[in-house]
Amino acid sequence: MLDIDSSASDIWGDETDWEALALSSAQTAVKFSPYSNFTDHPVSFALSIKLAEDAEVRALNRDYRHKDKPTNVLSFPMVQPDLLSSLSNSDDGEVLLGDIILAHETCAREAAEKGISIADHAQHLIVHGTLHILGYDHGNDDEARVMENLEIKALASMGLPNPYSDHDISTEES
């Protein structure tokens, strides 16, 4: 079972059900990954998603990544990627996958620049962050292609456009 705990600071507003959005976005990302069995497994796979303000994300980015600036999303995996496939054998009852945190002002600015709603952009960033939790990265072109293709497929299933349409992405995974 995928157990997602989410919270949103007041700055995110109440016009969107942010908890439902976080849940569906993370579930969709997992569904399109090789770990789709996490959603219906008897072990609880826990993921925390926090929708915060830029100041909080900036502090985390400074403290953990040594970059003193806000960023749109941070992911803090708690399981090494090479151990993810063996998690279904866990007898602990719960596996803590990690934490995802989004920065409101940065997300709002990026959404405005892209001409999309902040909710749509947040969905993309939660999918992106969840894939980081599941061991995906975009440190080189091959890794980026695989990760971005998963994001594109997940977002399309939610009715959202390809966020990478402005640059060339292969439609086949490596």
Protein backbone atom coordinates (compact mmCIF):
# COMPACT_ATOMS: atom_id res chain seq x y z
CA MET A 1 0.00 0.00 0.00
CA LEU A 2 1.21 3.47 -0.83
CA ASP A 3 0.69 5.70 2.21
CA ILE A 4 1.10 9.37 1.37
CA ASP A 5 1.08 12.07 4.01
CA SER A 6 0.74 15.56 2.60
CA SER A 7 0.43 19.05 3.95
CA ALA A 8 0.24 22.52 2.44
CA SER A 9 1.12 25.83 4.03
CA ASP A 10 -1.57 28.51 3.91
CA ILE A 11 0.22 30.33 1.09
CA TRP A 12 -0.92 27.56 -1.31
CA GLY A 13 -4.53 28.67 -0.76
CA ASP A 14 -7.66 26.58 -0.52
CA GLU A 15 -9.00 26.74 -4.09
CA THR A 16 -7.35 23.36 -4.80
CA ASP A 17 -7.52 20.17 -2.78
CA TRP A 18 -3.75 19.97 -2.45
CA GLU A 19 -3.80 16.73 -0.47
CA ALA A 20 -5.82 14.95 -3.16
CA LEU A 21 -3.59 16.43 -5.86
CA ALA A 22 -0.44 15.24 -4.05
CA LEU A 23 -1.88 11.77 -3.51
CA SER A 24 -3.00 11.26 -7.11
CA SER A 25 0.24 12.68 -8.56
CA ALA A 26 2.48 10.45 -6.43
CA GLN A 27 0.31 7.39 -7.05
CA THR A 28 0.45 8.01 -10.78
CA ALA A 29 4.24 8.35 -10.74
CA VAL A 30 4.55 5.05 -8.87
CA LYS A 31 2.08 3.39 -11.26
CA PHE A 32 4.28 4.27 -14.26
CA SER A 33 7.47 3.11 -12.57
CA PRO A 34 8.79 -0.42 -12.14
CA TYR A 35 7.50 -0.19 -8.55
CA SER A 36 3.81 -0.15 -9.40
CA ASN A 37 3.34 -3.09 -7.02
CA PHE A 38 3.91 -0.67 -4.12
CA THR A 39 0.33 0.60 -4.48
CA ASP A 40 -1.35 -2.73 -3.69
CA HIS A 41 1.30 -4.47 -1.58
CA PRO A 42 0.55 -5.41 2.06
CA VAL A 43 3.67 -3.49 3.19
CA SER A 44 3.02 0.22 3.65
CA PHE A 45 5.31 2.36 1.49
CA ALA A 46 5.25 5.81 3.11
CA LEU A 47 5.92 9.05 1.30
CA SER A 48 5.65 12.56 2.70
CA ILE A 49 4.81 15.55 0.50
CA LYS A 50 4.95 19.09 1.82
CA LEU A 51 3.85 22.17 -0.07
CA ALA A 52 5.86 24.92 1.59
CA GLU A 53 7.10 28.46 1.08
CA ASP A 54 10.30 29.43 -0.74
CA ALA A 55 12.03 30.37 2.52
CA GLU A 56 11.73 26.84 3.90
CA VAL A 57 12.88 25.23 0.66
CA ARG A 58 15.76 27.69 0.41
CA ALA A 59 16.94 26.71 3.90
CA LEU A 60 16.74 23.01 3.06
CA ASN A 61 18.50 23.55 -0.26
CA ARG A 62 21.24 25.49 1.54
CA ASP A 63 21.63 22.97 4.35
CA TYR A 64 21.49 19.76 2.30
CA ARG A 65 22.67 20.75 -1.18
CA HIS A 66 24.83 23.79 -0.30
CA LYS A 67 22.84 25.96 -2.74
CA ASP A 68 21.56 29.07 -0.99
CA LYS A 69 18.49 29.65 -3.14
CA PRO A 70 14.99 28.28 -3.42
CA THR A 71 14.23 25.61 -5.99
CA ASN A 72 10.90 24.28 -7.21
CA VAL A 73 11.10 20.80 -5.67
CA LEU A 74 13.42 18.88 -3.38
CA SER A 75 13.37 15.13 -2.89
CA PHE A 76 14.93 13.33 0.03
CA PRO A 77 15.00 9.58 -0.65
CA MET A 78 15.34 7.36 2.41
CA VAL A 79 16.04 4.12 0.52
CA GLN A 80 19.07 3.51 -1.67
CA PRO A 81 17.95 2.96 -5.29
CA ASP A 82 19.59 -0.48 -5.47
CA LEU A 83 17.49 -1.65 -2.50
CA LEU A 84 14.09 -0.55 -3.85
CA SER A 85 13.38 -3.79 -5.73
CA SER A 86 13.88 -5.88 -2.59
CA LEU A 87 11.52 -3.81 -0.41
CA SER A 88 8.52 -6.01 -1.10
CA ASN A 89 10.24 -8.62 1.08
CA SER A 90 10.16 -6.29 4.09
CA ASP A 91 8.53 -7.72 7.19
CA ASP A 92 8.56 -4.39 9.05
CA GLY A 93 5.09 -3.46 7.83
CA GLU A 94 6.23 0.01 6.76
CA VAL A 95 8.98 1.32 4.52
CA LEU A 96 9.76 5.05 4.61
CA LEU A 97 10.48 5.99 0.99
CA GLY A 98 11.25 9.65 1.55
CA ASP A 99 10.12 13.26 1.54
CA ILE A 100 9.21 15.71 -1.22
CA ILE A 101 8.89 19.44 -0.67
CA LEU A 102 7.70 22.10 -3.13
CA ALA A 103 8.31 25.86 -2.91
CA HIS A 104 5.18 27.92 -3.57
CA GLU A 105 6.61 31.19 -4.89
CA THR A 106 9.03 29.41 -7.24
CA CYS A 107 6.29 27.06 -8.46
CA ALA A 108 3.87 29.95 -8.98
CA ARG A 109 6.47 31.96 -10.93
CA GLU A 110 7.39 28.98 -13.12
CA ALA A 111 3.72 28.17 -13.76
CA ALA A 112 3.07 31.78 -14.83
CA GLU A 113 6.11 31.70 -17.13
CA LYS A 114 4.81 28.49 -18.73
CA GLY A 115 1.25 29.80 -18.94
CA ILE A 116 -0.16 26.92 -16.88
CA SER A 117 -1.91 26.69 -13.55
CA ILE A 118 0.08 26.22 -10.38
CA ALA A 119 -1.92 23.03 -9.75
CA ASP A 120 -0.80 21.54 -13.08
CA HIS A 121 2.81 22.54 -12.41
CA ALA A 122 2.65 21.11 -8.88
CA GLN A 123 1.37 17.81 -10.29
CA HIS A 124 4.36 17.66 -12.62
CA LEU A 125 6.79 18.48 -9.81
CA ILE A 126 5.27 15.85 -7.49
CA VAL A 127 5.57 13.23 -10.25
CA HIS A 128 9.16 14.39 -10.81
CA GLY A 129 9.96 14.32 -7.08
CA THR A 130 8.38 10.89 -6.64
CA LEU A 131 10.52 9.50 -9.44
CA HIS A 132 13.60 10.90 -7.67
CA ILE A 133 12.45 9.07 -4.53
CA LEU A 134 12.24 5.91 -6.65
CA GLY A 135 15.86 6.26 -7.76
CA TYR A 136 15.51 8.15 -11.03
CA ASP A 137 17.77 11.07 -11.87
CA HIS A 138 18.63 13.35 -14.76
CA GLY A 139 22.36 13.75 -14.24
CA ASN A 140 23.18 12.77 -17.82
CA ASP A 141 21.29 12.62 -21.12
CA ASP A 142 20.41 8.91 -20.89
CA GLU A 143 19.12 9.19 -17.32
CA ALA A 144 17.18 12.34 -18.23
CA ARG A 145 15.57 10.64 -21.23
CA VAL A 146 14.34 7.71 -19.13
CA MET A 147 13.06 9.91 -16.30
CA GLU A 148 11.42 12.46 -18.58
CA ASN A 149 9.68 9.75 -20.59
CA LEU A 150 8.18 8.33 -17.41
CA GLU A 151 7.04 11.82 -16.42
CA ILE A 152 5.49 12.42 -19.84
CA LYS A 153 3.53 9.15 -19.69
CA ALA A 154 2.36 9.73 -16.12
CA LEU A 155 1.28 13.30 -16.85
CA ALA A 156 -0.51 12.27 -20.06
CA SER A 157 -2.53 9.75 -18.05
CA MET A 158 -3.65 12.68 -15.86
CA GLY A 159 -4.57 14.75 -18.91
CA LEU A 160 -1.55 17.04 -18.65
CA PRO A 161 0.69 18.03 -21.58
CA ASN A 162 4.32 17.13 -22.10
CA PRO A 163 6.31 19.63 -19.99
CA TYR A 164 9.41 18.93 -22.09
CA SER A 165 7.88 19.66 -25.49
CA ASP A 166 10.32 22.53 -25.94
CA HIS A 167 13.25 20.13 -26.30
CA ASP A 168 13.83 16.79 -28.00
CA ILE A 169 12.79 13.72 -26.00
CA SER A 170 12.79 10.19 -27.30
CA THR A 171 9.50 8.37 -26.83
CA GLU A 172 11.23 5.09 -26.08
CA GLU A 173 12.92 4.35 -22.78
CA SER A 174 16.57 3.37 -22.79
